[in-house]
Amino acid sequence: MTSPGPRSTPVKTSLRTEDWYGLWLGLLVFALALPTLAGVDLLGWAATTQVWTSPGKAIAPVAKTYAAFPGVLSLALTFLFLLLIMTAGAAGLGLDLARFATGFTVIFWASYLCWFVGNHAYIAATPDKRGAMGISWSLALTGEAGFIIALAAGLVVGNFFPGVVRRLSEATRPEWYIKTAIVILGASLGVQAAGATGLARAVLFRGFAAIVEAYLIYWALVYLVARRFFHLSREWAAPLASGVSICGVSAAMATAAAIRARPIVPIMVSSLVVVFAVVELLLLPAVAATFLHGQPLVAGAWMGLAVKTDGAAVASGAITDALIRARAASAGITYEEGWILLTATTVKVFIDTFIGIWAFVLALVWAYGIERDPGRRPRAGEVWARFPKFVLGYFLTFLILLIAVVARPDLLVAAKAATAELNVFRVLFFVMTFFTIGLVSDFRRLGEAGIGRLAAVYVVCLFGFILWIGLGVSWIFFHGILPPRAG
């Protein structure tokens, strides 16, 4: 992992890349969801998977318009739709279509099975949901446990069944899946950001100020620790700093694309992000409820700043919300439900908006500074060639729904329905990403590449300063602000 020195890469102009096809396919799914704003539901048949105790009740169409559809039919249609558009993309990329379709079919169903298992109530249900589901305990990992199960299953196949890996190789494309998912993610964040305008002005402003301050500190310190004390190359240090500082997997992938890191780099960083997010999900809400019960919004902001995947951050906010309200109720104080969760979510949404901005900044830095050939002036085209194109889709879907809902607040309900349909596909692309990350992650290669050193950097940074800086910044901006009391 020592620095290899500047790598001059020729400008790439081809549109037949996973970068571009992640953009096109993400925008296609987004476009099919847009008619929902006008009352025309084209994707409501997509299968959503709920936290379940009875398998027969786990799968259902995401929209009430299609409530008569059996869950199995909804899931079959979801698979056929994805098979169609992904095979069309594979044709554009010049892949072997028969091998791709066969491999994609196996990857989809294996990934979905992992997601299904991860949504079992005893694994996924948060404390505030246990009573309604008739269970007394759960691991409280939320459905994101499916990502961990998918990664673990992929690692088993990837390391012990090499023949299967070879047969699936044409469709084993984690970067393509995650890039498509990030384009779709922008729409959800746009609606959340628009809906957040209804929050108390203090929460909105303080949340934005908090993430700007924390993020700029986070990234610089992680990069410094990785480079100076663990001697990682820039190729490794930059995606790791983004993964730890911004939005985990999405930020690591975008950064790796901007600096043209090798595929193994974001794959290894993404694996670590998911594993550590689960650790944080298990630990931080209990710590917050114990020591920050008198400062509820500080606790919520801390979850948004510290936990590095969207689902785990929001779940941490929900668990913290439930634990602190229960503790307050025992003292005769009844807070309105959801303010702690909304604080965590608002902070996390602001963090996520930095993905595209930071990818552009790093593309400039790498083109004009780090990998600039001596004596040669970089061209603007090199920044364009280096900039990850799927981030354009992320910006576009974000802005379209943000502007639409801000201009027409009456569209908020319909926009939330549209993004609920989009989230079905985003989640599926994410879970396929982690399954295929496992397929391509050979333990021997990971050891040689130095995943132990990456994990050490992550541990040092997370427990050495990220948690405490996030707590300090949350305290600065949110101490003394309490949720409204019920009634």
Protein backbone atom coordinates (compact mmCIF):
# COMPACT_ATOMS: atom_id res chain seq x y z
CA MET A 1 0.00 0.00 0.00
CA THR A 2 2.93 2.35 -0.40
CA SER A 3 2.50 5.17 -2.86
CA PRO A 4 3.10 4.01 -6.43
CA GLY A 5 3.87 7.52 -7.61
CA PRO A 6 1.89 9.54 -10.15
CA ARG A 7 -0.11 7.52 -12.64
CA SER A 8 -0.89 9.29 -15.87
CA THR A 9 -4.11 7.95 -17.30
CA PRO A 10 -5.27 8.83 -20.81
CA VAL A 11 -8.56 10.66 -21.19
CA LYS A 12 -11.34 8.12 -21.64
CA THR A 13 -14.13 9.18 -23.97
CA SER A 14 -16.07 5.94 -24.45
CA LEU A 15 -19.68 5.89 -23.32
CA ARG A 16 -19.56 2.09 -23.05
CA THR A 17 -18.49 1.99 -19.41
CA GLU A 18 -20.16 0.89 -16.18
CA ASP A 19 -19.89 4.50 -15.05
CA TRP A 20 -22.15 5.69 -17.87
CA TYR A 21 -24.49 2.73 -17.74
CA GLY A 22 -24.96 3.18 -14.00
CA LEU A 23 -26.08 6.72 -14.87
CA TRP A 24 -28.43 5.64 -17.70
CA LEU A 25 -30.09 2.79 -15.82
CA GLY A 26 -30.49 4.79 -12.62
CA LEU A 27 -32.14 7.60 -14.58
CA LEU A 28 -34.38 5.10 -16.37
CA VAL A 29 -35.74 3.74 -13.09
CA PHE A 30 -36.10 7.30 -11.80
CA ALA A 31 -37.99 8.37 -14.93
CA LEU A 32 -40.43 5.49 -14.53
CA ALA A 33 -41.18 6.63 -10.97
CA LEU A 34 -41.80 10.29 -11.88
CA PRO A 35 -45.36 9.79 -13.26
CA THR A 36 -46.38 8.95 -9.69
CA LEU A 37 -46.28 12.70 -9.04
CA ALA A 38 -49.14 13.03 -11.55
CA GLY A 39 -51.09 10.09 -10.14
CA VAL A 40 -49.86 7.54 -12.69
CA ASP A 41 -48.21 4.63 -10.88
CA LEU A 42 -45.88 2.62 -13.13
CA LEU A 43 -43.67 0.96 -10.50
CA GLY A 44 -46.06 0.32 -7.63
CA TRP A 45 -45.98 -3.43 -8.33
CA ALA A 46 -42.35 -3.61 -7.15
CA ALA A 47 -41.86 -5.93 -4.19
CA THR A 48 -41.01 -4.42 -0.84
CA THR A 49 -39.77 -6.67 1.97
CA GLN A 50 -40.93 -5.84 5.46
CA VAL A 51 -39.61 -6.97 8.82
CA TRP A 52 -41.42 -10.24 9.37
CA THR A 53 -42.30 -13.04 11.72
CA SER A 54 -44.47 -14.89 9.18
CA PRO A 55 -42.79 -15.45 5.78
CA GLY A 56 -46.11 -15.17 3.96
CA LYS A 57 -46.53 -11.58 5.15
CA ALA A 58 -43.00 -10.42 4.39
CA ILE A 59 -43.37 -9.53 0.70
CA ALA A 60 -45.95 -7.17 -0.78
CA PRO A 61 -46.28 -4.60 -3.58
CA VAL A 62 -44.87 -1.28 -2.46
CA ALA A 63 -47.95 0.72 -3.53
CA LYS A 64 -51.52 0.24 -2.32
CA THR A 65 -52.63 0.59 -5.95
CA TYR A 66 -51.33 -2.92 -6.52
CA ALA A 67 -52.38 -4.37 -3.16
CA ALA A 68 -54.29 -7.19 -4.88
CA PHE A 69 -51.03 -8.57 -6.31
CA PRO A 70 -49.68 -11.60 -4.41
CA GLY A 71 -46.26 -10.94 -2.93
CA VAL A 72 -44.69 -13.74 -4.96
CA LEU A 73 -46.00 -12.23 -8.21
CA SER A 74 -44.72 -8.80 -7.19
CA LEU A 75 -41.26 -10.24 -6.51
CA ALA A 76 -41.22 -12.14 -9.82
CA LEU A 77 -42.11 -8.96 -11.73
CA THR A 78 -39.37 -7.08 -9.88
CA PHE A 79 -36.82 -9.70 -10.89
CA LEU A 80 -37.96 -9.76 -14.54
CA PHE A 81 -37.83 -5.95 -14.76
CA LEU A 82 -34.28 -5.84 -13.40
CA LEU A 83 -33.20 -8.73 -15.61
CA LEU A 84 -34.54 -6.86 -18.65
CA ILE A 85 -32.89 -3.51 -18.01
CA MET A 86 -29.61 -4.98 -16.76
CA THR A 87 -29.33 -7.31 -19.75
CA ALA A 88 -29.97 -4.33 -22.02
CA GLY A 89 -27.14 -2.55 -20.23
CA ALA A 90 -24.94 -5.62 -20.59
CA ALA A 91 -25.58 -5.51 -24.34
CA GLY A 92 -24.41 -1.91 -24.40
CA LEU A 93 -21.28 -2.88 -22.50
CA GLY A 94 -20.55 -5.66 -24.98
CA LEU A 95 -20.90 -8.52 -22.49
CA ASP A 96 -21.86 -12.10 -23.26
CA LEU A 97 -25.64 -11.83 -22.81
CA ALA A 98 -26.38 -15.50 -22.11
CA ARG A 99 -23.68 -15.72 -19.44
CA PHE A 100 -24.72 -12.37 -17.98
CA ALA A 101 -28.41 -13.27 -17.77
CA THR A 102 -27.64 -16.61 -16.15
CA GLY A 103 -25.20 -15.06 -13.68
CA PHE A 104 -27.51 -12.16 -12.87
CA THR A 105 -30.37 -14.54 -12.15
CA VAL A 106 -28.28 -16.45 -9.60
CA ILE A 107 -26.89 -13.26 -8.06
CA PHE A 108 -30.32 -11.65 -7.77
CA TRP A 109 -31.99 -14.59 -6.03
CA ALA A 110 -29.02 -15.33 -3.76
CA SER A 111 -28.85 -11.66 -2.78
CA TYR A 112 -32.58 -11.39 -2.24
CA LEU A 113 -32.58 -14.48 -0.02
CA CYS A 114 -29.95 -12.79 2.15
CA TRP A 115 -32.04 -9.63 2.31
CA PHE A 116 -35.14 -11.67 3.19
CA VAL A 117 -33.38 -13.48 6.02
CA GLY A 118 -31.90 -10.21 7.29
CA ASN A 119 -35.43 -8.82 7.69
CA HIS A 120 -36.54 -11.52 10.12
CA ALA A 121 -37.97 -9.81 13.20
CA TYR A 122 -35.56 -11.43 15.65
CA ILE A 123 -32.70 -10.01 13.61
CA ALA A 124 -34.09 -6.71 12.35
CA ALA A 125 -36.81 -5.36 14.65
CA THR A 126 -35.84 -2.24 16.59
CA PRO A 127 -36.91 -1.99 20.26
CA ASP A 128 -39.87 0.29 19.50
CA LYS A 129 -41.30 -2.32 17.09
CA ARG A 130 -40.98 -5.46 19.20
CA GLY A 131 -44.30 -5.11 21.00
CA ALA A 132 -46.27 -4.71 17.79
CA MET A 133 -44.58 -7.80 16.38
CA GLY A 134 -45.22 -9.90 19.46
CA ILE A 135 -41.57 -10.57 20.29
CA SER A 136 -39.67 -9.83 23.50
CA TRP A 137 -36.16 -9.51 22.10
CA SER A 138 -34.28 -8.95 18.85
CA LEU A 139 -30.79 -8.10 17.66
CA ALA A 140 -32.20 -4.73 16.47
CA LEU A 141 -29.95 -4.67 13.39
CA THR A 142 -32.73 -3.44 11.06
CA GLY A 143 -33.04 -4.83 7.54
CA GLU A 144 -29.46 -3.72 6.88
CA ALA A 145 -28.46 -7.00 8.48
CA GLY A 146 -29.26 -8.35 5.02
CA PHE A 147 -26.21 -6.52 3.67
CA ILE A 148 -23.97 -8.26 6.20
CA ILE A 149 -25.51 -11.64 5.41
CA ALA A 150 -25.06 -11.00 1.68
CA LEU A 151 -21.42 -10.04 2.17
CA ALA A 152 -20.78 -13.13 4.31
CA ALA A 153 -22.53 -15.42 1.81
CA GLY A 154 -20.54 -13.92 -1.06
CA LEU A 155 -17.29 -14.41 0.86
CA VAL A 156 -18.10 -18.08 1.45
CA VAL A 157 -18.85 -18.66 -2.24
CA GLY A 158 -15.92 -16.54 -3.36
CA ASN A 159 -13.36 -18.36 -1.23
CA PHE A 160 -14.59 -21.95 -1.25
CA PHE A 161 -16.39 -22.39 -4.58
CA PRO A 162 -14.12 -20.93 -7.28
CA GLY A 163 -15.99 -22.80 -10.02
CA VAL A 164 -19.22 -21.00 -9.13
CA VAL A 165 -17.39 -17.66 -9.09
CA ARG A 166 -16.13 -18.26 -12.62
CA ARG A 167 -19.62 -19.08 -13.86
CA LEU A 168 -21.00 -15.90 -12.32
CA SER A 169 -18.12 -13.67 -13.40
CA GLU A 170 -19.95 -11.95 -16.29
CA ALA A 171 -22.57 -10.59 -13.88
CA THR A 172 -20.28 -10.06 -10.88
CA ARG A 173 -20.10 -6.28 -11.17
CA PRO A 174 -20.35 -4.62 -7.75
CA GLU A 175 -19.28 -1.22 -9.04
CA TRP A 176 -22.01 -1.17 -11.67
CA TYR A 177 -24.67 -2.11 -9.13
CA ILE A 178 -23.61 0.47 -6.57
CA LYS A 179 -23.32 3.26 -9.14
CA THR A 180 -26.86 2.60 -10.32
CA ALA A 181 -28.03 2.59 -6.69
CA ILE A 182 -26.36 5.94 -5.97
CA VAL A 183 -28.19 7.60 -8.87
CA ILE A 184 -31.48 6.35 -7.41
CA LEU A 185 -30.42 7.41 -3.90
CA GLY A 186 -30.32 11.06 -4.96
CA ALA A 187 -34.10 11.11 -5.42
CA SER A 188 -34.78 9.93 -1.87
CA LEU A 189 -32.42 12.52 -0.44
CA GLY A 190 -34.06 15.27 -2.50
CA VAL A 191 -37.47 14.49 -1.02
CA GLN A 192 -36.06 14.24 2.50
CA ALA A 193 -34.30 17.58 2.10
CA ALA A 194 -37.49 19.21 0.80
CA GLY A 195 -39.56 17.74 3.60
CA ALA A 196 -37.03 18.97 6.14
CA THR A 197 -37.98 22.58 5.43
CA GLY A 198 -40.90 22.02 7.75
CA LEU A 199 -38.62 21.27 10.72
CA ALA A 200 -37.81 23.83 13.31
CA ARG A 201 -35.41 26.37 11.81
CA ALA A 202 -32.90 25.77 14.58
CA VAL A 203 -32.65 22.04 13.83
CA LEU A 204 -32.22 22.65 10.11
CA PHE A 205 -29.59 25.38 10.41
CA ARG A 206 -27.68 23.75 13.24
CA GLY A 207 -27.68 20.41 11.43
CA PHE A 208 -26.12 21.97 8.34
CA ALA A 209 -23.51 23.88 10.34
CA ALA A 210 -22.67 20.77 12.35
CA ILE A 211 -21.96 18.54 9.38
CA VAL A 212 -19.85 21.17 7.59
CA GLU A 213 -17.66 21.57 10.64
CA ALA A 214 -17.46 17.88 11.50
CA TYR A 215 -16.93 16.66 7.95
CA LEU A 216 -14.04 18.99 7.16
CA ILE A 217 -12.33 17.84 10.36
CA TYR A 218 -13.11 14.15 9.82
CA TRP A 219 -11.77 13.84 6.29
CA ALA A 220 -8.53 15.69 6.91
CA LEU A 221 -7.71 13.76 10.08
CA VAL A 222 -8.50 10.32 8.65
CA TYR A 223 -6.41 11.06 5.55
CA LEU A 224 -3.54 12.33 7.73
CA VAL A 225 -3.61 9.27 10.01
CA ALA A 226 -3.77 6.87 7.05
CA ARG A 227 -0.88 8.54 5.24
CA ARG A 228 1.49 9.55 8.02
CA PHE A 229 1.06 6.86 10.66
CA PHE A 230 -0.03 3.83 8.61
CA HIS A 231 1.82 4.77 5.40
CA LEU A 232 -1.10 4.05 3.06
CA SER A 233 -0.87 5.38 -0.46
CA ARG A 234 -3.16 8.17 -1.62
CA GLU A 235 -5.10 5.61 -3.63
CA TRP A 236 -6.09 3.88 -0.37
CA ALA A 237 -6.20 6.85 2.00
CA ALA A 238 -8.65 9.02 0.02
CA PRO A 239 -11.50 6.46 -0.38
CA LEU A 240 -11.00 5.36 3.23
CA ALA A 241 -11.22 8.97 4.45
CA SER A 242 -14.41 9.51 2.44
CA GLY A 243 -15.94 6.23 3.59
CA VAL A 244 -15.30 7.07 7.23
CA SER A 245 -16.24 10.74 6.87
CA ILE A 246 -19.27 10.96 4.57
CA CYS A 247 -21.74 8.30 3.58
CA GLY A 248 -19.77 5.10 3.84
CA VAL A 249 -20.11 2.87 0.80
CA SER A 250 -21.47 5.50 -1.62
CA ALA A 251 -18.77 8.03 -0.76
CA ALA A 252 -15.98 5.45 -0.97
CA MET A 253 -17.16 4.37 -4.44
CA ALA A 254 -17.50 7.94 -5.70
CA THR A 255 -14.07 8.91 -4.38
CA ALA A 256 -12.42 5.83 -5.84
CA ALA A 257 -13.94 6.65 -9.23
CA ALA A 258 -12.79 10.28 -9.03
CA ILE A 259 -9.16 9.35 -8.31
CA ARG A 260 -9.24 6.24 -10.56
CA ALA A 261 -8.36 3.80 -7.84
CA ARG A 262 -8.19 0.09 -8.63
CA PRO A 263 -11.47 -1.81 -8.11
CA ILE A 264 -10.20 -3.64 -5.02
CA VAL A 265 -9.85 -0.33 -3.13
CA PRO A 266 -13.52 0.70 -2.80
CA ILE A 267 -14.52 -2.96 -2.38
CA MET A 268 -12.34 -3.37 0.70
CA VAL A 269 -13.33 0.00 2.16
CA SER A 270 -17.03 -0.75 1.59
CA SER A 271 -16.75 -4.07 3.41
CA LEU A 272 -15.23 -2.37 6.43
CA VAL A 273 -17.83 0.40 6.43
CA VAL A 274 -20.72 -2.05 6.63
CA VAL A 275 -19.12 -4.15 9.36
CA PHE A 276 -18.30 -1.14 11.54
CA ALA A 277 -21.76 0.41 10.95
CA VAL A 278 -23.29 -2.67 12.55
CA VAL A 279 -20.92 -2.33 15.53
CA GLU A 280 -21.96 1.31 15.94
CA LEU A 281 -25.64 0.41 15.59
CA LEU A 282 -25.31 -2.07 18.44
CA LEU A 283 -23.34 0.21 20.78
CA LEU A 284 -24.09 3.90 20.25
CA PRO A 285 -27.86 4.12 20.93
CA ALA A 286 -27.39 2.48 24.34
CA VAL A 287 -24.49 4.82 25.14
CA ALA A 288 -26.51 7.85 24.04
CA ALA A 289 -29.57 6.82 26.07
CA THR A 290 -27.39 6.35 29.16
CA PHE A 291 -25.32 9.51 29.05
CA LEU A 292 -27.28 11.94 26.83
CA HIS A 293 -30.87 11.36 27.96
CA GLY A 294 -30.94 14.95 29.23
CA GLN A 295 -29.86 16.25 25.78
CA PRO A 296 -32.06 14.30 23.34
CA LEU A 297 -31.25 16.24 20.16
CA VAL A 298 -27.53 16.06 20.89
CA ALA A 299 -27.98 12.29 20.94
CA GLY A 300 -29.87 12.35 17.63
CA ALA A 301 -27.28 14.53 15.89
CA TRP A 302 -24.51 12.28 17.21
CA MET A 303 -26.12 9.26 15.52
CA GLY A 304 -26.23 11.14 12.21
CA LEU A 305 -22.61 12.25 12.47
CA ALA A 306 -21.09 9.01 13.74
CA VAL A 307 -22.85 6.11 11.97
CA LYS A 308 -21.65 5.71 8.41
CA THR A 309 -24.43 4.08 6.40
CA ASP A 310 -27.83 5.65 5.77
CA GLY A 311 -29.90 2.76 7.07
CA ALA A 312 -27.78 2.21 10.16
CA ALA A 313 -27.72 5.95 10.96
CA VAL A 314 -31.49 6.28 10.68
CA ALA A 315 -32.00 3.06 12.63
CA SER A 316 -29.65 4.33 15.34
CA GLY A 317 -31.71 7.51 15.51
CA ALA A 318 -34.94 5.48 15.82
CA ILE A 319 -33.53 3.27 18.59
CA THR A 320 -32.13 6.29 20.44
CA ASP A 321 -35.49 8.06 20.07
CA ALA A 322 -37.31 5.08 21.61
CA LEU A 323 -34.82 4.57 24.45
CA ILE A 324 -34.61 8.22 25.51
CA ARG A 325 -38.39 8.77 25.35
CA ALA A 326 -38.94 5.65 27.45
CA ARG A 327 -36.44 6.87 30.04
CA ALA A 328 -38.03 10.34 30.07
CA ALA A 329 -41.50 8.84 30.48
CA SER A 330 -40.37 6.98 33.58
CA ALA A 331 -39.50 10.40 35.04
CA GLY A 332 -42.89 11.83 34.10
CA ILE A 333 -41.72 13.63 30.92
CA THR A 334 -43.47 12.74 27.66
CA TYR A 335 -41.63 13.93 24.56
CA GLU A 336 -43.25 13.96 21.13
CA GLU A 337 -42.15 10.96 19.13
CA GLY A 338 -39.74 11.40 16.23
CA TRP A 339 -37.76 14.56 16.98
CA ILE A 340 -34.59 12.70 17.91
CA LEU A 341 -34.96 10.55 14.79
CA LEU A 342 -35.62 13.61 12.62
CA THR A 343 -32.47 15.28 13.95
CA ALA A 344 -30.38 12.21 13.10
CA THR A 345 -31.96 11.93 9.66
CA THR A 346 -31.54 15.65 8.86
CA VAL A 347 -27.86 15.58 9.77
CA LYS A 348 -27.33 12.41 7.71
CA VAL A 349 -29.09 13.89 4.65
CA PHE A 350 -26.82 16.93 4.77
CA ILE A 351 -23.78 14.66 4.99
CA ASP A 352 -24.94 12.67 1.98
CA THR A 353 -25.20 15.77 -0.19
CA PHE A 354 -21.42 16.09 0.05
CA ILE A 355 -20.85 12.91 -1.98
CA GLY A 356 -21.03 14.60 -5.37
CA ILE A 357 -19.33 17.81 -4.26
CA TRP A 358 -16.38 15.96 -2.80
CA ALA A 359 -16.03 13.72 -5.86
CA PHE A 360 -15.70 16.85 -8.00
CA VAL A 361 -13.18 18.44 -5.60
CA LEU A 362 -11.02 15.32 -5.60
CA ALA A 363 -11.20 15.00 -9.38
CA LEU A 364 -9.76 18.54 -9.59
CA VAL A 365 -7.08 17.86 -6.98
CA TRP A 366 -5.92 14.62 -8.62
CA ALA A 367 -5.94 16.03 -12.17
CA TYR A 368 -4.26 19.36 -11.43
CA GLY A 369 -2.04 18.32 -8.54
CA ILE A 370 -1.33 14.79 -7.44
CA GLU A 371 -1.20 13.03 -10.82
CA ARG A 372 -0.19 15.96 -12.98
CA ASP A 373 2.78 15.19 -15.20
CA PRO A 374 5.66 17.63 -14.63
CA GLY A 375 5.92 20.22 -17.37
CA ARG A 376 2.47 19.50 -18.78
CA ARG A 377 -0.61 21.61 -18.18
CA PRO A 378 -3.70 19.49 -17.51
CA ARG A 379 -6.69 20.00 -19.78
CA ALA A 380 -10.23 20.56 -18.55
CA GLY A 381 -11.15 17.35 -20.34
CA GLU A 382 -9.04 15.39 -17.88
CA VAL A 383 -11.23 16.56 -14.99
CA TRP A 384 -14.32 15.55 -16.97
CA ALA A 385 -12.83 12.17 -17.80
CA ARG A 386 -11.91 11.63 -14.14
CA PHE A 387 -15.20 12.84 -12.68
CA PRO A 388 -17.56 9.88 -11.96
CA LYS A 389 -20.49 10.28 -14.36
CA PHE A 390 -22.98 8.47 -12.14
CA VAL A 391 -22.61 11.35 -9.66
CA LEU A 392 -24.28 13.55 -12.30
CA GLY A 393 -27.31 11.28 -12.03
CA TYR A 394 -27.20 11.56 -8.25
CA PHE A 395 -27.25 15.37 -8.51
CA LEU A 396 -29.97 15.33 -11.17
CA THR A 397 -32.41 13.08 -9.32
CA PHE A 398 -31.73 14.99 -6.10
CA LEU A 399 -32.39 18.40 -7.65
CA ILE A 400 -35.44 17.39 -9.70
CA LEU A 401 -37.40 16.16 -6.69
CA LEU A 402 -36.06 18.85 -4.36
CA ILE A 403 -37.13 21.63 -6.72
CA ALA A 404 -40.47 19.97 -7.53
CA VAL A 405 -41.49 19.60 -3.88
CA VAL A 406 -40.22 23.02 -2.81
CA ALA A 407 -42.12 24.62 -5.71
CA ARG A 408 -45.22 22.47 -5.08
CA PRO A 409 -45.42 21.41 -1.42
CA ASP A 410 -48.64 19.54 -2.21
CA LEU A 411 -46.50 17.04 -4.13
CA LEU A 412 -44.67 15.88 -1.01
CA VAL A 413 -46.92 12.89 -0.35
CA ALA A 414 -46.75 11.74 -3.98
CA ALA A 415 -42.98 12.30 -4.02
CA LYS A 416 -42.58 10.12 -0.93
CA ALA A 417 -44.61 7.42 -2.66
CA ALA A 418 -42.36 7.66 -5.73
CA THR A 419 -39.19 7.39 -3.66
CA ALA A 420 -40.63 4.43 -1.74
CA GLU A 421 -40.87 2.65 -5.10
CA LEU A 422 -37.37 3.77 -6.05
CA ASN A 423 -36.02 2.53 -2.73
CA VAL A 424 -37.12 -1.01 -3.59
CA PHE A 425 -34.65 -1.01 -6.47
CA ARG A 426 -31.97 0.93 -4.60
CA VAL A 427 -31.98 -1.67 -1.82
CA LEU A 428 -31.79 -4.54 -4.31
CA PHE A 429 -28.82 -2.96 -6.07
CA PHE A 430 -27.13 -2.42 -2.71
CA VAL A 431 -27.62 -6.00 -1.56
CA MET A 432 -26.35 -7.33 -4.91
CA THR A 433 -23.36 -5.04 -4.48
CA PHE A 434 -22.42 -6.66 -1.18
CA PHE A 435 -23.01 -10.20 -2.40
CA THR A 436 -20.76 -9.60 -5.42
CA ILE A 437 -18.17 -7.81 -3.27
CA GLY A 438 -17.96 -11.07 -1.37
CA LEU A 439 -17.61 -13.05 -4.61
CA VAL A 440 -14.56 -11.06 -5.71
CA SER A 441 -12.97 -10.85 -2.24
CA ASP A 442 -10.45 -13.63 -1.93
CA PHE A 443 -9.17 -13.85 1.67
CA ARG A 444 -5.63 -14.44 0.48
CA ARG A 445 -5.72 -11.41 -1.83
CA LEU A 446 -7.30 -9.26 0.86
CA GLY A 447 -4.54 -10.22 3.26
CA GLU A 448 -1.88 -9.41 0.69
CA ALA A 449 -3.56 -6.09 -0.11
CA GLY A 450 -3.48 -5.19 3.58
CA ILE A 451 -7.09 -5.22 4.79
CA GLY A 452 -5.75 -5.65 8.34
CA ARG A 453 -4.01 -2.30 8.08
CA LEU A 454 -7.15 -0.67 6.69
CA ALA A 455 -9.18 -2.08 9.58
CA ALA A 456 -6.58 -0.74 12.02
CA VAL A 457 -6.90 2.76 10.54
CA TYR A 458 -10.68 2.50 10.79
CA VAL A 459 -10.56 1.44 14.45
CA VAL A 460 -8.04 4.14 15.41
CA CYS A 461 -9.98 6.89 13.63
CA LEU A 462 -13.48 5.79 14.66
CA PHE A 463 -12.78 5.27 18.34
CA GLY A 464 -9.86 7.68 18.57
CA PHE A 465 -11.57 10.87 17.40
CA ILE A 466 -14.55 10.49 15.02
CA LEU A 467 -17.03 9.50 17.72
CA TRP A 468 -15.79 12.20 20.08
CA ILE A 469 -15.55 14.99 17.51
CA GLY A 470 -19.05 14.11 16.36
CA LEU A 471 -20.24 14.22 19.96
CA GLY A 472 -18.53 17.55 20.56
CA VAL A 473 -19.95 19.14 17.43
CA SER A 474 -23.41 17.79 18.24
CA TRP A 475 -23.14 19.29 21.73
CA ILE A 476 -22.04 22.67 20.40
CA PHE A 477 -24.99 22.99 18.03
CA PHE A 478 -27.80 21.12 19.81
CA HIS A 479 -27.31 21.29 23.58
CA GLY A 480 -30.19 22.83 25.44
CA ILE A 481 -32.71 22.16 22.66
CA LEU A 482 -35.42 19.75 23.77
CA PRO A 483 -38.16 18.03 21.75
CA PRO A 484 -41.69 19.39 22.26
CA ARG A 485 -43.64 17.64 24.99
CA ALA A 486 -46.66 15.63 23.90
CA GLY A 487 -49.91 17.57 24.35
